[in-house]
Amino acid sequence: MEAWLDFEKPLIDLEKQIRDLESLADAGHPEIGEQVEKLKRIADKKRRETYENLNRWERVQLARHPLRPYSLDYVSMITSGFTELHGDRLFSEDKAIIGGLAVIEGHKVVLLGQQKGRDTKENLSRNFGMCHPEGYRKALRLMKMAAKFGKPLVTLVDTPGAYPGIGAEERGQAGAIARNLLEMSRLPVPILVIIIGEGGSGGALGIGVGDTVIMMEYAIYSVISPEGCAAILWGDRGKAKQAAEALRLTAPDLLQLGVVDGMVPEPTGGAHRDPRAAAESLKKAIVENLDTLARTPIPTLLKRRLEKYSSMGTYIE
């Protein structure tokens, strides 16, 4: 599967040219080698310049990149064991959220993650990563399991938002998310939250209350999507780029605002360029944060967690 964004196309064309020349060199034209090396230096410089100067809308596009690693991709690369658990024991299994028991570098944790699909069939099965109430209730069941057995909770956030359909509303979507906010605020275990792609509105918050919240470098986290914001403010979803700038939804923005506590570096060009390197970076961040949280007594964690969210946000009268 090939996919690139508009601003990536010049780079993709240059990389294709390099590959074609390398094929010629391998086929018995060694004199082309010097030209290849020159083009590689040009490509490296252009790549750095491109990704160091992205605007917010371009970062939104990267966060949504169809080849970006999803929760299960990271699970396969950062855990030495994962046992998935299913169902909310009330209504049904929601495939938009995955969860279970995992081991990450010796840390035994309960792991939750929102999961999108790679193709139309899988996206329909996983509802494009948008959870129903039963998904949040499944998450709550696993949170309580973490508390029962005294295991840290790690959540991977990646959703456009909670599913807004009639059925979801009938089954108590808002109540399910609100219940998770309450329970996570007082869950007596360390909680580490990582936004790996899209962190959309209440859909993200349903598994997003933690002692430490960190973001992948090109992830986004916002109260609303740029398209939704543009439709409400200007009646024109086409102004999403303008909305993205106003929302300040990128990792550097939110780190500066104090909404998140850290940023996980990604390979140049984004996690989809080198998923293994991105996974190693993520695993390192998870282990470091779990080690830090493990040294803090639970009563202190709960006190700090409450203070963290109570003090978040400022206003001017």
C-alpha atoms as a PDB file:
ATOM      1  CA  MET A   1       0.000   0.000   0.000  1.00  0.00           C
ATOM      2  CA  GLU A   2       1.391   3.382  -1.011  1.00  0.00           C
ATOM      3  CA  ALA A   3       0.120   6.643   0.403  1.00  0.00           C
ATOM      4  CA  TRP A   4       1.509  10.125   0.646  1.00  0.00           C
ATOM      5  CA  LEU A   5       0.271  13.565   1.539  1.00  0.00           C
ATOM      6  CA  ASP A   6       0.321  16.557  -0.796  1.00  0.00           C
ATOM      7  CA  PHE A   7       3.261  18.207   0.930  1.00  0.00           C
ATOM      8  CA  GLU A   8       5.188  14.903   0.828  1.00  0.00           C
ATOM      9  CA  LYS A   9       4.920  14.411  -2.940  1.00  0.00           C
ATOM     10  CA  PRO A  10       8.167  16.235  -3.883  1.00  0.00           C
ATOM     11  CA  LEU A  11      10.009  14.014  -1.394  1.00  0.00           C
ATOM     12  CA  ILE A  12       8.319  10.856  -2.673  1.00  0.00           C
ATOM     13  CA  ASP A  13       9.287  11.735  -6.256  1.00  0.00           C
ATOM     14  CA  LEU A  14      12.892  12.352  -5.219  1.00  0.00           C
ATOM     15  CA  GLU A  15      13.065   9.067  -3.292  1.00  0.00           C
ATOM     16  CA  LYS A  16      11.661   7.195  -6.306  1.00  0.00           C
ATOM     17  CA  GLN A  17      14.333   8.766  -8.510  1.00  0.00           C
ATOM     18  CA  ILE A  18      16.999   7.593  -6.049  1.00  0.00           C
ATOM     19  CA  ARG A  19      15.626   4.045  -6.029  1.00  0.00           C
ATOM     20  CA  ASP A  20      15.553   3.942  -9.837  1.00  0.00           C
ATOM     21  CA  LEU A  21      19.177   5.098 -10.046  1.00  0.00           C
ATOM     22  CA  GLU A  22      20.217   2.555  -7.395  1.00  0.00           C
ATOM     23  CA  SER A  23      18.646  -0.171  -9.524  1.00  0.00           C
ATOM     24  CA  LEU A  24      20.691   0.999 -12.507  1.00  0.00           C
ATOM     25  CA  ALA A  25      23.868   1.007 -10.409  1.00  0.00           C
ATOM     26  CA  ASP A  26      23.155  -2.544  -9.239  1.00  0.00           C
ATOM     27  CA  ALA A  27      22.567  -3.578 -12.850  1.00  0.00           C
ATOM     28  CA  GLY A  28      26.133  -2.735 -13.826  1.00  0.00           C
ATOM     29  CA  HIS A  29      26.439   1.028 -13.950  1.00  0.00           C
ATOM     30  CA  PRO A  30      28.706   1.869 -10.990  1.00  0.00           C
ATOM     31  CA  GLU A  31      29.408   5.360 -12.354  1.00  0.00           C
ATOM     32  CA  ILE A  32      25.887   6.329 -11.234  1.00  0.00           C
ATOM     33  CA  GLY A  33      26.834   5.823  -7.577  1.00  0.00           C
ATOM     34  CA  GLU A  34      28.182   9.352  -7.110  1.00  0.00           C
ATOM     35  CA  GLN A  35      24.963  10.841  -8.502  1.00  0.00           C
ATOM     36  CA  VAL A  36      22.935   8.663  -6.122  1.00  0.00           C
ATOM     37  CA  GLU A  37      24.911   9.851  -3.106  1.00  0.00           C
ATOM     38  CA  LYS A  38      24.422  13.463  -4.133  1.00  0.00           C
ATOM     39  CA  LEU A  39      20.668  12.977  -4.480  1.00  0.00           C
ATOM     40  CA  LYS A  40      20.534  11.246  -1.080  1.00  0.00           C
ATOM     41  CA  ARG A  41      22.162  14.281   0.557  1.00  0.00           C
ATOM     42  CA  ILE A  42      19.670  16.557  -1.166  1.00  0.00           C
ATOM     43  CA  ALA A  43      16.771  14.310  -0.062  1.00  0.00           C
ATOM     44  CA  ASP A  44      17.975  14.235   3.569  1.00  0.00           C
ATOM     45  CA  LYS A  45      18.193  18.029   3.670  1.00  0.00           C
ATOM     46  CA  LYS A  46      14.802  18.477   2.006  1.00  0.00           C
ATOM     47  CA  ARG A  47      13.225  15.928   4.369  1.00  0.00           C
ATOM     48  CA  ARG A  48      14.502  17.722   7.462  1.00  0.00           C
ATOM     49  CA  GLU A  49      13.404  21.108   6.164  1.00  0.00           C
ATOM     50  CA  THR A  50       9.941  19.800   5.255  1.00  0.00           C
ATOM     51  CA  TYR A  51       9.131  18.158   8.576  1.00  0.00           C
ATOM     52  CA  GLU A  52      10.738  20.801  10.768  1.00  0.00           C
ATOM     53  CA  ASN A  53       8.475  23.469   9.263  1.00  0.00           C
ATOM     54  CA  LEU A  54       5.074  21.792   9.150  1.00  0.00           C
ATOM     55  CA  ASN A  55       2.036  23.922   9.850  1.00  0.00           C
ATOM     56  CA  ARG A  56      -0.684  22.624  12.158  1.00  0.00           C
ATOM     57  CA  TRP A  57      -2.929  21.373   9.355  1.00  0.00           C
ATOM     58  CA  GLU A  58      -0.054  19.346   7.895  1.00  0.00           C
ATOM     59  CA  ARG A  59       0.498  17.811  11.333  1.00  0.00           C
ATOM     60  CA  VAL A  60      -3.200  16.886  11.422  1.00  0.00           C
ATOM     61  CA  GLN A  61      -2.720  15.082   8.113  1.00  0.00           C
ATOM     62  CA  LEU A  62       0.303  13.217   9.485  1.00  0.00           C
ATOM     63  CA  ALA A  63      -1.638  12.173  12.581  1.00  0.00           C
ATOM     64  CA  ARG A  64      -4.261  10.675  10.241  1.00  0.00           C
ATOM     65  CA  HIS A  65      -1.797   9.134   7.782  1.00  0.00           C
ATOM     66  CA  PRO A  66      -3.237   5.810   6.518  1.00  0.00           C
ATOM     67  CA  LEU A  67       0.090   4.038   7.092  1.00  0.00           C
ATOM     68  CA  ARG A  68       0.634   5.410  10.602  1.00  0.00           C
ATOM     69  CA  PRO A  69       1.034   2.640  13.220  1.00  0.00           C
ATOM     70  CA  TYR A  70      -2.157   1.885  15.159  1.00  0.00           C
ATOM     71  CA  SER A  71      -2.537   0.472  18.672  1.00  0.00           C
ATOM     72  CA  LEU A  72      -2.232  -3.199  17.684  1.00  0.00           C
ATOM     73  CA  ASP A  73       0.853  -2.409  15.584  1.00  0.00           C
ATOM     74  CA  TYR A  74       2.544  -0.913  18.629  1.00  0.00           C
ATOM     75  CA  VAL A  75       1.330  -3.746  20.859  1.00  0.00           C
ATOM     76  CA  SER A  76       3.033  -6.287  18.593  1.00  0.00           C
ATOM     77  CA  MET A  77       6.297  -4.311  18.691  1.00  0.00           C
ATOM     78  CA  ILE A  78       6.547  -3.136  22.317  1.00  0.00           C
ATOM     79  CA  THR A  79       5.130  -6.040  24.328  1.00  0.00           C
ATOM     80  CA  SER A  80       6.653  -9.442  25.027  1.00  0.00           C
ATOM     81  CA  GLY A  81       3.198 -10.819  25.722  1.00  0.00           C
ATOM     82  CA  PHE A  82      -0.351  -9.604  25.196  1.00  0.00           C
ATOM     83  CA  THR A  83      -3.547 -11.414  26.124  1.00  0.00           C
ATOM     84  CA  GLU A  84      -6.553  -9.633  24.674  1.00  0.00           C
ATOM     85  CA  LEU A  85      -9.796  -9.619  26.663  1.00  0.00           C
ATOM     86  CA  HIS A  86     -13.195  -8.973  25.128  1.00  0.00           C
ATOM     87  CA  GLY A  87     -16.641  -7.651  25.909  1.00  0.00           C
ATOM     88  CA  ASP A  88     -18.267  -5.334  28.407  1.00  0.00           C
ATOM     89  CA  ARG A  89     -20.409  -8.113  29.992  1.00  0.00           C
ATOM     90  CA  LEU A  90     -23.463  -5.939  29.371  1.00  0.00           C
ATOM     91  CA  PHE A  91     -24.138  -5.569  25.652  1.00  0.00           C
ATOM     92  CA  SER A  92     -21.470  -6.620  23.164  1.00  0.00           C
ATOM     93  CA  GLU A  93     -17.861  -6.560  22.041  1.00  0.00           C
ATOM     94  CA  ASP A  94     -16.696  -3.213  20.627  1.00  0.00           C
ATOM     95  CA  LYS A  95     -13.776  -3.748  18.247  1.00  0.00           C
ATOM     96  CA  ALA A  96     -12.995  -0.024  18.179  1.00  0.00           C
ATOM     97  CA  ILE A  97     -11.164  -0.545  21.465  1.00  0.00           C
ATOM     98  CA  ILE A  98      -8.719  -3.300  22.338  1.00  0.00           C
ATOM     99  CA  GLY A  99      -7.549  -4.225  25.797  1.00  0.00           C
ATOM    100  CA  GLY A 100      -5.919  -6.899  27.845  1.00  0.00           C
ATOM    101  CA  LEU A 101      -2.915  -7.954  29.903  1.00  0.00           C
ATOM    102  CA  ALA A 102       0.546  -7.100  28.612  1.00  0.00           C
ATOM    103  CA  VAL A 103       4.216  -7.188  29.555  1.00  0.00           C
ATOM    104  CA  ILE A 104       6.422  -4.254  28.521  1.00  0.00           C
ATOM    105  CA  GLU A 105      10.102  -4.642  29.423  1.00  0.00           C
ATOM    106  CA  GLY A 106       9.204  -6.541  32.581  1.00  0.00           C
ATOM    107  CA  HIS A 107       6.327  -4.242  33.553  1.00  0.00           C
ATOM    108  CA  LYS A 108       3.081  -6.204  33.869  1.00  0.00           C
ATOM    109  CA  VAL A 109       0.287  -3.822  32.873  1.00  0.00           C
ATOM    110  CA  VAL A 110      -3.304  -3.596  31.750  1.00  0.00           C
ATOM    111  CA  LEU A 111      -3.199  -2.122  28.257  1.00  0.00           C
ATOM    112  CA  LEU A 112      -6.030  -0.320  26.443  1.00  0.00           C
ATOM    113  CA  GLY A 113      -6.010   1.161  22.961  1.00  0.00           C
ATOM    114  CA  GLN A 114      -8.345   2.539  20.336  1.00  0.00           C
ATOM    115  CA  GLN A 115      -8.013   0.740  17.018  1.00  0.00           C
ATOM    116  CA  LYS A 116      -8.743   1.939  13.491  1.00  0.00           C
ATOM    117  CA  GLY A 117      -8.833  -0.230  10.373  1.00  0.00           C
ATOM    118  CA  ARG A 118      -6.495  -0.424   7.384  1.00  0.00           C
ATOM    119  CA  ASP A 119      -9.145  -1.015   4.724  1.00  0.00           C
ATOM    120  CA  THR A 120     -12.872  -0.505   4.269  1.00  0.00           C
ATOM    121  CA  LYS A 121     -13.826  -3.899   5.696  1.00  0.00           C
ATOM    122  CA  GLU A 122     -11.711  -3.497   8.826  1.00  0.00           C
ATOM    123  CA  ASN A 123     -12.758   0.117   9.297  1.00  0.00           C
ATOM    124  CA  LEU A 124     -16.400  -0.942   9.249  1.00  0.00           C
ATOM    125  CA  SER A 125     -15.619  -3.707  11.743  1.00  0.00           C
ATOM    126  CA  ARG A 126     -13.759  -1.312  14.052  1.00  0.00           C
ATOM    127  CA  ASN A 127     -16.074   1.635  13.345  1.00  0.00           C
ATOM    128  CA  PHE A 128     -13.136   3.807  12.223  1.00  0.00           C
ATOM    129  CA  GLY A 129     -11.780   3.771  15.775  1.00  0.00           C
ATOM    130  CA  MET A 130     -14.905   5.452  17.187  1.00  0.00           C
ATOM    131  CA  CYS A 131     -16.087   3.665  20.316  1.00  0.00           C
ATOM    132  CA  HIS A 132     -19.666   2.865  21.290  1.00  0.00           C
ATOM    133  CA  PRO A 133     -20.724   2.954  24.969  1.00  0.00           C
ATOM    134  CA  GLU A 134     -19.941  -0.755  25.273  1.00  0.00           C
ATOM    135  CA  GLY A 135     -16.360   0.030  24.279  1.00  0.00           C
ATOM    136  CA  TYR A 136     -15.970   2.456  27.162  1.00  0.00           C
ATOM    137  CA  ARG A 137     -17.667  -0.022  29.494  1.00  0.00           C
ATOM    138  CA  LYS A 138     -15.239  -2.731  28.360  1.00  0.00           C
ATOM    139  CA  ALA A 139     -12.427  -0.287  29.108  1.00  0.00           C
ATOM    140  CA  LEU A 140     -13.891   0.376  32.554  1.00  0.00           C
ATOM    141  CA  ARG A 141     -14.097  -3.358  33.257  1.00  0.00           C
ATOM    142  CA  LEU A 142     -10.383  -3.673  32.487  1.00  0.00           C
ATOM    143  CA  MET A 143      -9.552  -0.576  34.528  1.00  0.00           C
ATOM    144  CA  LYS A 144     -11.210  -2.182  37.531  1.00  0.00           C
ATOM    145  CA  MET A 145      -9.225  -5.362  36.837  1.00  0.00           C
ATOM    146  CA  ALA A 146      -6.035  -3.279  36.947  1.00  0.00           C
ATOM    147  CA  ALA A 147      -7.112  -1.861  40.311  1.00  0.00           C
ATOM    148  CA  LYS A 148      -8.043  -5.299  41.659  1.00  0.00           C
ATOM    149  CA  PHE A 149      -4.647  -6.777  40.875  1.00  0.00           C
ATOM    150  CA  GLY A 150      -2.605  -3.613  41.467  1.00  0.00           C
ATOM    151  CA  LYS A 151      -1.264  -3.337  37.908  1.00  0.00           C
ATOM    152  CA  PRO A 152      -0.454  -0.055  36.135  1.00  0.00           C
ATOM    153  CA  LEU A 153      -2.820   1.048  33.374  1.00  0.00           C
ATOM    154  CA  VAL A 154      -1.423   2.111  29.988  1.00  0.00           C
ATOM    155  CA  THR A 155      -3.755   3.560  27.364  1.00  0.00           C
ATOM    156  CA  LEU A 156      -3.095   4.308  23.679  1.00  0.00           C
ATOM    157  CA  VAL A 157      -5.417   7.031  22.408  1.00  0.00           C
ATOM    158  CA  ASP A 158      -6.215   7.185  18.682  1.00  0.00           C
ATOM    159  CA  THR A 159      -9.758   8.180  17.731  1.00  0.00           C
ATOM    160  CA  PRO A 160     -11.561  10.913  15.784  1.00  0.00           C
ATOM    161  CA  GLY A 161     -14.074  10.912  18.662  1.00  0.00           C
ATOM    162  CA  ALA A 162     -16.739   8.789  20.298  1.00  0.00           C
ATOM    163  CA  TYR A 163     -19.360   7.413  17.913  1.00  0.00           C
ATOM    164  CA  PRO A 164     -22.282   9.913  17.726  1.00  0.00           C
ATOM    165  CA  GLY A 165     -24.925   7.568  16.282  1.00  0.00           C
ATOM    166  CA  ILE A 166     -28.486   7.213  17.583  1.00  0.00           C
ATOM    167  CA  GLY A 167     -27.876   3.710  18.929  1.00  0.00           C
ATOM    168  CA  ALA A 168     -24.825   4.867  20.878  1.00  0.00           C
ATOM    169  CA  GLU A 169     -26.814   7.741  22.364  1.00  0.00           C
ATOM    170  CA  GLU A 170     -29.656   5.399  23.285  1.00  0.00           C
ATOM    171  CA  ARG A 171     -27.222   3.136  25.125  1.00  0.00           C
ATOM    172  CA  GLY A 172     -25.754   6.031  27.126  1.00  0.00           C
ATOM    173  CA  GLN A 173     -22.676   7.284  25.274  1.00  0.00           C
ATOM    174  CA  ALA A 174     -22.212  10.456  27.339  1.00  0.00           C
ATOM    175  CA  GLY A 175     -22.845   8.601  30.595  1.00  0.00           C
ATOM    176  CA  ALA A 176     -20.325   5.892  29.729  1.00  0.00           C
ATOM    177  CA  ILE A 177     -17.607   8.466  29.035  1.00  0.00           C
ATOM    178  CA  ALA A 178     -18.477  10.478  32.153  1.00  0.00           C
ATOM    179  CA  ARG A 179     -18.306   7.335  34.285  1.00  0.00           C
ATOM    180  CA  ASN A 180     -14.831   6.560  32.937  1.00  0.00           C
ATOM    181  CA  LEU A 181     -13.659  10.085  33.735  1.00  0.00           C
ATOM    182  CA  LEU A 182     -14.844   9.664  37.310  1.00  0.00           C
ATOM    183  CA  GLU A 183     -13.391   6.191  37.773  1.00  0.00           C
ATOM    184  CA  MET A 184     -10.030   7.042  36.203  1.00  0.00           C
ATOM    185  CA  SER A 185      -9.697  10.094  38.428  1.00  0.00           C
ATOM    186  CA  ARG A 186      -9.696   7.827  41.491  1.00  0.00           C
ATOM    187  CA  LEU A 187      -8.324   4.513  40.131  1.00  0.00           C
ATOM    188  CA  PRO A 188      -5.739   3.380  42.733  1.00  0.00           C
ATOM    189  CA  VAL A 189      -3.002   2.411  40.268  1.00  0.00           C
ATOM    190  CA  PRO A 190      -0.522   4.412  38.148  1.00  0.00           C
ATOM    191  CA  ILE A 191      -2.061   5.527  34.825  1.00  0.00           C
ATOM    192  CA  LEU A 192       0.009   6.406  31.762  1.00  0.00           C
ATOM    193  CA  VAL A 193      -1.819   7.848  28.737  1.00  0.00           C
ATOM    194  CA  ILE A 194      -0.217   8.151  25.287  1.00  0.00           C
ATOM    195  CA  ILE A 195      -1.871   9.912  22.338  1.00  0.00           C
ATOM    196  CA  ILE A 196      -0.430   8.004  19.377  1.00  0.00           C
ATOM    197  CA  GLY A 197      -2.491   9.540  16.551  1.00  0.00           C
ATOM    198  CA  GLU A 198      -5.757  11.436  16.864  1.00  0.00           C
ATOM    199  CA  GLY A 199      -6.968  12.455  20.288  1.00  0.00           C
ATOM    200  CA  GLY A 200     -10.491  13.562  19.510  1.00  0.00           C
ATOM    201  CA  SER A 201     -12.781  15.163  22.107  1.00  0.00           C
ATOM    202  CA  GLY A 202     -14.619  13.041  24.693  1.00  0.00           C
ATOM    203  CA  GLY A 203     -13.811   9.960  22.651  1.00  0.00           C
ATOM    204  CA  ALA A 204     -10.186  10.391  23.678  1.00  0.00           C
ATOM    205  CA  LEU A 205     -10.944  11.430  27.261  1.00  0.00           C
ATOM    206  CA  GLY A 206     -12.902   8.215  27.840  1.00  0.00           C
ATOM    207  CA  ILE A 207      -9.540   6.450  28.260  1.00  0.00           C
ATOM    208  CA  GLY A 208      -7.443   9.599  28.641  1.00  0.00           C
ATOM    209  CA  VAL A 209      -7.319  10.605  32.311  1.00  0.00           C
ATOM    210  CA  GLY A 210      -3.917   9.777  33.723  1.00  0.00           C
ATOM    211  CA  ASP A 211      -1.099  10.634  36.091  1.00  0.00           C
ATOM    212  CA  THR A 212       1.117  11.256  33.078  1.00  0.00           C
ATOM    213  CA  VAL A 213      -0.142  12.111  29.586  1.00  0.00           C
ATOM    214  CA  ILE A 214       2.312  12.121  26.697  1.00  0.00           C
ATOM    215  CA  MET A 215       1.970  12.508  22.926  1.00  0.00           C
ATOM    216  CA  MET A 216       3.760  11.137  19.909  1.00  0.00           C
ATOM    217  CA  GLU A 217       5.508  14.006  18.116  1.00  0.00           C
ATOM    218  CA  TYR A 218       3.054  14.198  15.207  1.00  0.00           C
ATOM    219  CA  ALA A 219      -0.108  13.282  17.119  1.00  0.00           C
ATOM    220  CA  ILE A 220      -2.955  15.741  17.713  1.00  0.00           C
ATOM    221  CA  TYR A 221      -5.230  16.267  20.713  1.00  0.00           C
ATOM    222  CA  SER A 222      -8.236  18.556  20.677  1.00  0.00           C
ATOM    223  CA  VAL A 223     -11.744  19.232  21.971  1.00  0.00           C
ATOM    224  CA  ILE A 224     -13.034  18.982  18.380  1.00  0.00           C
ATOM    225  CA  SER A 225     -11.741  18.123  14.913  1.00  0.00           C
ATOM    226  CA  PRO A 226     -10.629  21.032  12.699  1.00  0.00           C
ATOM    227  CA  GLU A 227     -13.452  20.206  10.272  1.00  0.00           C
ATOM    228  CA  GLY A 228     -16.048  20.220  13.054  1.00  0.00           C
ATOM    229  CA  CYS A 229     -14.686  23.460  14.476  1.00  0.00           C
ATOM    230  CA  ALA A 230     -14.760  25.126  11.041  1.00  0.00           C
ATOM    231  CA  ALA A 231     -18.338  23.974  10.443  1.00  0.00           C
ATOM    232  CA  ILE A 232     -19.501  25.442  13.764  1.00  0.00           C
ATOM    233  CA  LEU A 233     -17.568  28.717  13.679  1.00  0.00           C
ATOM    234  CA  TRP A 234     -17.744  29.578   9.996  1.00  0.00           C
ATOM    235  CA  GLY A 235     -20.325  27.200   8.558  1.00  0.00           C
ATOM    236  CA  ASP A 236     -17.638  25.903   6.201  1.00  0.00           C
ATOM    237  CA  ARG A 237     -15.700  22.673   6.768  1.00  0.00           C
ATOM    238  CA  GLY A 238     -13.326  23.859   4.061  1.00  0.00           C
ATOM    239  CA  LYS A 239     -11.778  26.235   6.586  1.00  0.00           C
ATOM    240  CA  ALA A 240     -10.332  23.304   8.542  1.00  0.00           C
ATOM    241  CA  LYS A 241      -6.773  24.558   8.001  1.00  0.00           C
ATOM    242  CA  GLN A 242      -7.671  27.876   9.641  1.00  0.00           C
ATOM    243  CA  ALA A 243      -9.386  26.025  12.494  1.00  0.00           C
ATOM    244  CA  ALA A 244      -6.345  23.802  13.064  1.00  0.00           C
ATOM    245  CA  GLU A 245      -4.182  26.875  13.548  1.00  0.00           C
ATOM    246  CA  ALA A 246      -6.646  28.328  16.074  1.00  0.00           C
ATOM    247  CA  LEU A 247      -7.084  25.074  18.020  1.00  0.00           C
ATOM    248  CA  ARG A 248      -3.361  24.675  18.823  1.00  0.00           C
ATOM    249  CA  LEU A 249      -3.778  20.926  18.803  1.00  0.00           C
ATOM    250  CA  THR A 250      -0.227  19.713  18.146  1.00  0.00           C
ATOM    251  CA  ALA A 251       2.156  18.103  20.635  1.00  0.00           C
ATOM    252  CA  PRO A 252       4.453  21.172  20.906  1.00  0.00           C
ATOM    253  CA  ASP A 253       1.399  23.395  21.442  1.00  0.00           C
ATOM    254  CA  LEU A 254      -0.083  21.234  24.176  1.00  0.00           C
ATOM    255  CA  LEU A 255       3.247  20.698  25.893  1.00  0.00           C
ATOM    256  CA  GLN A 256       3.668  24.471  26.055  1.00  0.00           C
ATOM    257  CA  LEU A 257       0.108  24.896  27.382  1.00  0.00           C
ATOM    258  CA  GLY A 258       0.652  22.240  30.070  1.00  0.00           C
ATOM    259  CA  VAL A 259      -2.115  19.981  28.795  1.00  0.00           C
ATOM    260  CA  VAL A 260       0.324  17.103  28.245  1.00  0.00           C
ATOM    261  CA  ASP A 261       3.450  16.180  30.168  1.00  0.00           C
ATOM    262  CA  GLY A 262       5.806  14.996  27.457  1.00  0.00           C
ATOM    263  CA  MET A 263       6.418  14.356  23.770  1.00  0.00           C
ATOM    264  CA  VAL A 264       7.754  11.146  22.223  1.00  0.00           C
ATOM    265  CA  PRO A 265      10.052  11.837  19.251  1.00  0.00           C
ATOM    266  CA  GLU A 266       9.213  10.159  15.946  1.00  0.00           C
ATOM    267  CA  PRO A 267      11.457   9.306  12.991  1.00  0.00           C
ATOM    268  CA  THR A 268      11.891  12.119  10.469  1.00  0.00           C
ATOM    269  CA  GLY A 269       8.720  12.186   8.392  1.00  0.00           C
ATOM    270  CA  GLY A 270       6.540  10.520  11.022  1.00  0.00           C
ATOM    271  CA  ALA A 271       6.026   7.107  12.599  1.00  0.00           C
ATOM    272  CA  HIS A 272       4.840   5.571   9.312  1.00  0.00           C
ATOM    273  CA  ARG A 273       8.279   6.149   7.812  1.00  0.00           C
ATOM    274  CA  ASP A 274       9.928   3.797  10.314  1.00  0.00           C
ATOM    275  CA  PRO A 275       7.387   2.043  12.569  1.00  0.00           C
ATOM    276  CA  ARG A 276      10.080   0.016  14.347  1.00  0.00           C
ATOM    277  CA  ALA A 277      12.017   3.114  15.350  1.00  0.00           C
ATOM    278  CA  ALA A 278       8.796   4.818  16.457  1.00  0.00           C
ATOM    279  CA  ALA A 279       7.885   1.768  18.543  1.00  0.00           C
ATOM    280  CA  GLU A 280      11.303   1.717  20.210  1.00  0.00           C
ATOM    281  CA  SER A 281      10.947   5.395  21.056  1.00  0.00           C
ATOM    282  CA  LEU A 282       7.466   4.753  22.469  1.00  0.00           C
ATOM    283  CA  LYS A 283       8.589   1.749  24.502  1.00  0.00           C
ATOM    284  CA  LYS A 284      11.453   3.738  26.011  1.00  0.00           C
ATOM    285  CA  ALA A 285       9.051   6.510  27.032  1.00  0.00           C
ATOM    286  CA  ILE A 286       6.583   4.024  28.530  1.00  0.00           C
ATOM    287  CA  VAL A 287       9.248   2.252  30.592  1.00  0.00           C
ATOM    288  CA  GLU A 288      10.760   5.523  31.864  1.00  0.00           C
ATOM    289  CA  ASN A 289       7.372   6.875  32.911  1.00  0.00           C
ATOM    290  CA  LEU A 290       6.239   3.608  34.513  1.00  0.00           C
ATOM    291  CA  ASP A 291       9.483   3.466  36.493  1.00  0.00           C
ATOM    292  CA  THR A 292       8.860   7.016  37.745  1.00  0.00           C
ATOM    293  CA  LEU A 293       5.210   6.378  38.610  1.00  0.00           C
ATOM    294  CA  ALA A 294       6.061   3.115  40.394  1.00  0.00           C
ATOM    295  CA  ARG A 295       8.212   5.043  42.880  1.00  0.00           C
ATOM    296  CA  THR A 296       5.291   7.250  43.929  1.00  0.00           C
ATOM    297  CA  PRO A 297       2.902   6.061  46.668  1.00  0.00           C
ATOM    298  CA  ILE A 298      -0.690   5.608  45.478  1.00  0.00           C
ATOM    299  CA  PRO A 299      -2.171   8.236  47.861  1.00  0.00           C
ATOM    300  CA  THR A 300       0.305  10.766  46.464  1.00  0.00           C
ATOM    301  CA  LEU A 301      -0.550   9.759  42.898  1.00  0.00           C
ATOM    302  CA  LEU A 302      -4.262  10.255  43.539  1.00  0.00           C
ATOM    303  CA  LYS A 303      -3.694  13.644  45.155  1.00  0.00           C
ATOM    304  CA  ARG A 304      -1.490  14.819  42.268  1.00  0.00           C
ATOM    305  CA  ARG A 305      -3.924  13.455  39.682  1.00  0.00           C
ATOM    306  CA  LEU A 306      -6.783  15.464  41.146  1.00  0.00           C
ATOM    307  CA  GLU A 307      -4.642  18.599  41.383  1.00  0.00           C
ATOM    308  CA  LYS A 308      -3.431  18.117  37.797  1.00  0.00           C
ATOM    309  CA  TYR A 309      -6.913  18.243  36.294  1.00  0.00           C
ATOM    310  CA  SER A 310      -8.345  20.752  38.761  1.00  0.00           C
ATOM    311  CA  SER A 311      -5.665  23.290  37.867  1.00  0.00           C
ATOM    312  CA  MET A 312      -5.772  22.759  34.102  1.00  0.00           C
ATOM    313  CA  GLY A 313      -6.834  25.711  31.975  1.00  0.00           C
ATOM    314  CA  THR A 314      -6.804  29.470  32.452  1.00  0.00           C
ATOM    315  CA  TYR A 315      -9.215  32.277  31.732  1.00  0.00           C
ATOM    316  CA  ILE A 316      -9.230  36.062  31.750  1.00  0.00           C
ATOM    317  CA  GLU A 317     -12.103  38.088  33.213  1.00  0.00           C
END
